Amino acid sequence: MNHYHMWVNLKDSRRDLEFAGAVDAYLGHLKGRGVIESWSLQRRKFGFGPPGLGEFHIVVSTRDLAQLDAAFGVVATRAGEVERLHHPVYSMVTDFVSALYRDFPDPERERG
């Protein structure tokens, strides 16, 4: 599995539940289209965490890089339903940071 991590802050923290709903609608749509396997949204607790990472953490998981590329292809259209759902998410965030991780050891890795 590949895990696309995103950390963000909100421009207006009073809109936290609205943000959570927008993320649910958007990523739920991508999952329903089969271009991602799963996703999760977390919020920093008690202010613990590295200062360079945002208060909110989103993880999108895909089977492989081909599926992740398909997801980016859908999002990159910036049109139709996907843009209608994407706009409320990205319009609320600031301080975006991302990273791509994989499960390890890789299943194809030869051992011994």
N, C-alpha and C. Protein backbone atom coordinates (compact mmCIF):
# COMPACT_ATOMS: atom_id res chain seq x y z
N MET A 1 0.85 -1.19 0.00
CA MET A 1 0.00 0.00 0.00
C MET A 1 0.88 1.24 0.00
N ASN A 2 0.37 2.26 -0.63
CA ASN A 2 1.00 3.58 -0.60
C ASN A 2 0.10 4.49 0.21
N HIS A 3 0.72 5.36 1.01
CA HIS A 3 -0.03 6.24 1.91
C HIS A 3 0.41 7.67 1.65
N TYR A 4 -0.54 8.46 1.15
CA TYR A 4 -0.29 9.87 0.85
C TYR A 4 -0.74 10.67 2.08
N HIS A 5 0.22 11.25 2.78
CA HIS A 5 -0.04 11.99 4.01
C HIS A 5 -0.11 13.48 3.70
N MET A 6 -1.07 14.14 4.30
CA MET A 6 -1.21 15.59 4.17
C MET A 6 -1.44 16.18 5.54
N TRP A 7 -0.74 17.25 5.83
CA TRP A 7 -0.94 17.98 7.08
C TRP A 7 -1.36 19.39 6.71
N VAL A 8 -2.37 19.91 7.38
CA VAL A 8 -2.87 21.25 7.09
C VAL A 8 -3.33 21.94 8.37
N ASN A 9 -3.38 23.23 8.29
CA ASN A 9 -4.09 24.04 9.28
C ASN A 9 -5.32 24.61 8.60
N LEU A 10 -6.27 25.04 9.38
CA LEU A 10 -7.45 25.69 8.83
C LEU A 10 -7.26 27.20 8.87
N LYS A 11 -7.74 27.87 7.84
CA LYS A 11 -7.71 29.33 7.84
C LYS A 11 -8.57 29.88 8.97
N ASP A 12 -9.66 29.18 9.27
CA ASP A 12 -10.58 29.57 10.34
C ASP A 12 -10.94 28.32 11.14
N SER A 13 -10.33 28.16 12.31
CA SER A 13 -10.51 26.92 13.10
C SER A 13 -11.95 26.73 13.58
N ARG A 14 -12.76 27.77 13.53
CA ARG A 14 -14.18 27.61 13.91
C ARG A 14 -14.95 26.78 12.90
N ARG A 15 -14.36 26.55 11.75
CA ARG A 15 -15.03 25.77 10.69
C ARG A 15 -14.57 24.30 10.68
N ASP A 16 -14.11 23.82 11.83
CA ASP A 16 -13.53 22.47 11.90
C ASP A 16 -14.51 21.37 11.50
N LEU A 17 -15.76 21.45 11.95
CA LEU A 17 -16.73 20.41 11.59
C LEU A 17 -17.13 20.52 10.12
N GLU A 18 -17.20 21.72 9.61
CA GLU A 18 -17.48 21.92 8.19
C GLU A 18 -16.35 21.31 7.35
N PHE A 19 -15.12 21.53 7.79
CA PHE A 19 -13.96 20.94 7.11
C PHE A 19 -14.04 19.42 7.12
N ALA A 20 -14.34 18.84 8.28
CA ALA A 20 -14.44 17.38 8.38
C ALA A 20 -15.51 16.84 7.44
N GLY A 21 -16.63 17.53 7.35
CA GLY A 21 -17.69 17.11 6.44
C GLY A 21 -17.29 17.21 4.98
N ALA A 22 -16.54 18.27 4.64
CA ALA A 22 -16.09 18.45 3.27
C ALA A 22 -15.07 17.38 2.89
N VAL A 23 -14.16 17.05 3.81
CA VAL A 23 -13.18 15.99 3.55
C VAL A 23 -13.91 14.66 3.35
N ASP A 24 -14.89 14.38 4.18
CA ASP A 24 -15.66 13.15 4.08
C ASP A 24 -16.36 13.05 2.72
N ALA A 25 -16.98 14.14 2.28
CA ALA A 25 -17.68 14.12 0.99
C ALA A 25 -16.70 13.92 -0.17
N TYR A 26 -15.60 14.64 -0.13
CA TYR A 26 -14.62 14.60 -1.21
C TYR A 26 -13.90 13.25 -1.30
N LEU A 27 -13.30 12.82 -0.19
CA LEU A 27 -12.56 11.56 -0.23
C LEU A 27 -13.49 10.36 -0.31
N GLY A 28 -14.69 10.48 0.24
CA GLY A 28 -15.69 9.43 0.07
C GLY A 28 -16.06 9.25 -1.39
N HIS A 29 -16.14 10.36 -2.11
CA HIS A 29 -16.41 10.32 -3.55
C HIS A 29 -15.29 9.59 -4.29
N LEU A 30 -14.03 9.94 -3.96
CA LEU A 30 -12.90 9.27 -4.62
C LEU A 30 -12.87 7.78 -4.31
N LYS A 31 -13.18 7.43 -3.06
CA LYS A 31 -13.23 6.01 -2.69
C LYS A 31 -14.35 5.30 -3.47
N GLY A 32 -15.49 5.96 -3.57
CA GLY A 32 -16.62 5.39 -4.31
C GLY A 32 -16.30 5.16 -5.78
N ARG A 33 -15.44 5.99 -6.33
CA ARG A 33 -15.01 5.82 -7.73
C ARG A 33 -13.92 4.77 -7.87
N GLY A 34 -13.41 4.28 -6.75
CA GLY A 34 -12.39 3.23 -6.79
C GLY A 34 -10.98 3.72 -7.06
N VAL A 35 -10.74 5.04 -6.94
CA VAL A 35 -9.40 5.55 -7.22
C VAL A 35 -8.56 5.67 -5.95
N ILE A 36 -9.16 5.44 -4.78
CA ILE A 36 -8.41 5.29 -3.54
C ILE A 36 -9.01 4.11 -2.78
N GLU A 37 -8.23 3.50 -1.91
CA GLU A 37 -8.71 2.37 -1.12
C GLU A 37 -9.37 2.83 0.17
N SER A 38 -8.74 3.80 0.84
CA SER A 38 -9.28 4.28 2.12
C SER A 38 -8.67 5.64 2.43
N TRP A 39 -9.21 6.27 3.45
CA TRP A 39 -8.68 7.55 3.90
C TRP A 39 -9.04 7.72 5.37
N SER A 40 -8.32 8.61 6.03
CA SER A 40 -8.65 8.96 7.42
C SER A 40 -8.28 10.41 7.68
N LEU A 41 -8.96 10.99 8.64
CA LEU A 41 -8.70 12.36 9.06
C LEU A 41 -8.46 12.34 10.56
N GLN A 42 -7.35 12.94 10.98
CA GLN A 42 -7.04 13.06 12.40
C GLN A 42 -6.78 14.52 12.73
N ARG A 43 -6.95 14.83 14.01
CA ARG A 43 -6.65 16.17 14.51
C ARG A 43 -5.64 16.05 15.64
N ARG A 44 -4.66 16.92 15.64
CA ARG A 44 -3.64 16.94 16.68
C ARG A 44 -4.31 17.06 18.05
N LYS A 45 -3.76 16.36 19.02
CA LYS A 45 -4.33 16.36 20.37
C LYS A 45 -3.39 17.08 21.32
N PHE A 46 -3.96 17.94 22.12
CA PHE A 46 -3.21 18.69 23.16
C PHE A 46 -2.06 19.51 22.58
N GLY A 47 -2.10 19.80 21.29
CA GLY A 47 -1.04 20.58 20.67
C GLY A 47 0.26 19.83 20.47
N PHE A 48 0.26 18.51 20.73
CA PHE A 48 1.49 17.72 20.56
C PHE A 48 1.77 17.48 19.09
N GLY A 49 3.00 17.69 18.68
CA GLY A 49 3.41 17.41 17.32
C GLY A 49 4.49 18.36 16.86
N PRO A 50 5.19 17.98 15.80
CA PRO A 50 6.23 18.87 15.27
C PRO A 50 5.62 20.19 14.80
N PRO A 51 6.29 21.30 15.05
CA PRO A 51 5.72 22.60 14.68
C PRO A 51 5.50 22.79 13.19
N GLY A 52 6.24 22.08 12.34
CA GLY A 52 6.08 22.23 10.89
C GLY A 52 4.89 21.49 10.31
N LEU A 53 4.24 20.67 11.12
CA LEU A 53 3.09 19.91 10.63
C LEU A 53 1.81 20.54 11.15
N GLY A 54 0.78 20.51 10.35
CA GLY A 54 -0.48 21.15 10.69
C GLY A 54 -1.26 20.43 11.77
N GLU A 55 -2.32 21.08 12.19
CA GLU A 55 -3.20 20.54 13.22
C GLU A 55 -3.99 19.34 12.73
N PHE A 56 -4.29 19.32 11.42
CA PHE A 56 -5.05 18.22 10.84
C PHE A 56 -4.14 17.36 9.97
N HIS A 57 -4.39 16.05 10.00
CA HIS A 57 -3.60 15.07 9.26
C HIS A 57 -4.57 14.20 8.48
N ILE A 58 -4.38 14.14 7.18
CA ILE A 58 -5.21 13.32 6.30
C ILE A 58 -4.31 12.27 5.67
N VAL A 59 -4.76 11.02 5.68
CA VAL A 59 -4.01 9.94 5.03
C VAL A 59 -4.91 9.31 3.99
N VAL A 60 -4.42 9.25 2.76
CA VAL A 60 -5.12 8.58 1.66
C VAL A 60 -4.28 7.36 1.29
N SER A 61 -4.91 6.19 1.28
CA SER A 61 -4.19 4.94 0.97
C SER A 61 -4.65 4.39 -0.37
N THR A 62 -3.66 3.93 -1.16
CA THR A 62 -3.92 3.31 -2.45
C THR A 62 -3.16 1.99 -2.54
N ARG A 63 -3.66 1.09 -3.38
CA ARG A 63 -3.01 -0.22 -3.55
C ARG A 63 -1.59 -0.08 -4.04
N ASP A 64 -1.40 0.83 -5.00
CA ASP A 64 -0.10 0.98 -5.66
C ASP A 64 -0.01 2.36 -6.26
N LEU A 65 1.13 2.65 -6.88
CA LEU A 65 1.31 3.97 -7.49
C LEU A 65 0.41 4.18 -8.69
N ALA A 66 0.03 3.12 -9.38
CA ALA A 66 -0.89 3.26 -10.52
C ALA A 66 -2.25 3.78 -10.04
N GLN A 67 -2.74 3.26 -8.93
CA GLN A 67 -4.01 3.73 -8.40
C GLN A 67 -3.88 5.18 -7.92
N LEU A 68 -2.77 5.51 -7.28
CA LEU A 68 -2.55 6.89 -6.83
C LEU A 68 -2.50 7.82 -8.04
N ASP A 69 -1.84 7.40 -9.10
CA ASP A 69 -1.78 8.21 -10.31
C ASP A 69 -3.18 8.39 -10.91
N ALA A 70 -3.99 7.36 -10.87
CA ALA A 70 -5.38 7.47 -11.35
C ALA A 70 -6.16 8.47 -10.51
N ALA A 71 -5.93 8.46 -9.20
CA ALA A 71 -6.61 9.42 -8.32
C ALA A 71 -6.20 10.84 -8.68
N PHE A 72 -4.89 11.06 -8.87
CA PHE A 72 -4.42 12.40 -9.25
C PHE A 72 -4.99 12.79 -10.61
N GLY A 73 -5.14 11.83 -11.52
CA GLY A 73 -5.72 12.12 -12.82
C GLY A 73 -7.16 12.59 -12.71
N VAL A 74 -7.93 12.00 -11.83
CA VAL A 74 -9.31 12.41 -11.61
C VAL A 74 -9.35 13.81 -11.00
N VAL A 75 -8.54 14.03 -9.99
CA VAL A 75 -8.53 15.32 -9.29
C VAL A 75 -8.02 16.43 -10.20
N ALA A 76 -7.05 16.13 -11.04
CA ALA A 76 -6.43 17.14 -11.89
C ALA A 76 -7.37 17.72 -12.94
N THR A 77 -8.48 17.04 -13.20
CA THR A 77 -9.44 17.58 -14.17
C THR A 77 -10.00 18.92 -13.70
N ARG A 78 -10.07 19.11 -12.38
CA ARG A 78 -10.61 20.34 -11.80
C ARG A 78 -11.96 20.69 -12.43
N ALA A 79 -12.80 19.68 -12.62
CA ALA A 79 -14.08 19.88 -13.29
C ALA A 79 -15.15 19.01 -12.65
N GLY A 80 -16.39 19.38 -12.89
CA GLY A 80 -17.53 18.57 -12.51
C GLY A 80 -17.64 18.31 -11.02
N GLU A 81 -18.14 17.15 -10.71
CA GLU A 81 -18.41 16.77 -9.32
C GLU A 81 -17.16 16.77 -8.46
N VAL A 82 -16.05 16.29 -9.01
CA VAL A 82 -14.83 16.21 -8.22
C VAL A 82 -14.37 17.62 -7.80
N GLU A 83 -14.49 18.59 -8.68
CA GLU A 83 -14.10 19.96 -8.31
C GLU A 83 -15.10 20.57 -7.34
N ARG A 84 -16.37 20.27 -7.52
CA ARG A 84 -17.39 20.77 -6.59
C ARG A 84 -17.10 20.29 -5.18
N LEU A 85 -16.60 19.07 -5.04
CA LEU A 85 -16.30 18.51 -3.73
C LEU A 85 -14.90 18.91 -3.24
N HIS A 86 -13.97 19.12 -4.15
CA HIS A 86 -12.60 19.48 -3.78
C HIS A 86 -12.50 20.93 -3.30
N HIS A 87 -13.21 21.82 -3.96
CA HIS A 87 -13.11 23.25 -3.65
C HIS A 87 -13.35 23.58 -2.17
N PRO A 88 -14.39 23.05 -1.53
CA PRO A 88 -14.58 23.39 -0.11
C PRO A 88 -13.42 22.94 0.78
N VAL A 89 -12.76 21.86 0.40
CA VAL A 89 -11.63 21.37 1.20
C VAL A 89 -10.44 22.32 1.06
N TYR A 90 -9.96 22.51 -0.17
CA TYR A 90 -8.74 23.29 -0.32
C TYR A 90 -8.94 24.77 -0.02
N SER A 91 -10.17 25.26 -0.12
CA SER A 91 -10.39 26.68 0.18
C SER A 91 -10.33 26.98 1.68
N MET A 92 -10.41 25.95 2.50
CA MET A 92 -10.38 26.14 3.96
C MET A 92 -9.00 25.95 4.56
N VAL A 93 -8.03 25.45 3.79
CA VAL A 93 -6.75 25.07 4.39
C VAL A 93 -5.63 26.04 4.06
N THR A 94 -4.62 25.98 4.90
CA THR A 94 -3.38 26.71 4.71
C THR A 94 -2.25 25.83 5.24
N ASP A 95 -1.02 26.20 4.97
CA ASP A 95 0.15 25.49 5.48
C ASP A 95 0.18 24.02 5.08
N PHE A 96 -0.14 23.74 3.84
CA PHE A 96 -0.18 22.37 3.32
C PHE A 96 1.22 21.76 3.27
N VAL A 97 1.35 20.56 3.81
CA VAL A 97 2.59 19.77 3.75
C VAL A 97 2.17 18.35 3.40
N SER A 98 2.94 17.68 2.53
CA SER A 98 2.57 16.31 2.15
C SER A 98 3.79 15.41 2.09
N ALA A 99 3.53 14.11 2.13
CA ALA A 99 4.57 13.09 2.03
C ALA A 99 3.94 11.82 1.50
N LEU A 100 4.76 10.99 0.87
CA LEU A 100 4.30 9.71 0.35
C LEU A 100 5.12 8.60 1.01
N TYR A 101 4.42 7.67 1.64
CA TYR A 101 5.06 6.53 2.31
C TYR A 101 4.51 5.25 1.72
N ARG A 102 5.24 4.15 1.95
CA ARG A 102 4.78 2.83 1.52
C ARG A 102 4.92 1.87 2.69
N ASP A 103 4.13 0.80 2.64
CA ASP A 103 4.30 -0.25 3.63
C ASP A 103 5.69 -0.86 3.43
N PHE A 104 6.31 -1.25 4.53
CA PHE A 104 7.66 -1.80 4.44
C PHE A 104 7.78 -2.99 5.38
N PRO A 105 8.45 -4.03 4.99
CA PRO A 105 9.15 -4.19 3.72
C PRO A 105 8.18 -4.40 2.56
N ASP A 106 8.63 -4.00 1.40
CA ASP A 106 7.81 -4.14 0.20
C ASP A 106 7.51 -5.61 -0.03
N PRO A 107 6.29 -5.93 -0.50
CA PRO A 107 5.94 -7.35 -0.73
C PRO A 107 6.85 -8.02 -1.76
N GLU A 108 7.36 -7.28 -2.72
CA GLU A 108 8.21 -7.88 -3.75
C GLU A 108 9.68 -7.97 -3.34
N ARG A 109 10.00 -7.46 -2.18
CA ARG A 109 11.41 -7.45 -1.73
C ARG A 109 11.88 -8.88 -1.45
N GLU A 110 13.00 -9.22 -2.07
CA GLU A 110 13.59 -10.54 -1.82
C GLU A 110 14.32 -10.50 -0.49
N ARG A 111 14.16 -11.58 0.25
CA ARG A 111 14.79 -11.67 1.57
C ARG A 111 15.67 -12.90 1.62
N GLY A 112 16.77 -12.73 2.32
CA GLY A 112 17.66 -13.88 2.54
C GLY A 112 18.59 -14.05 1.46
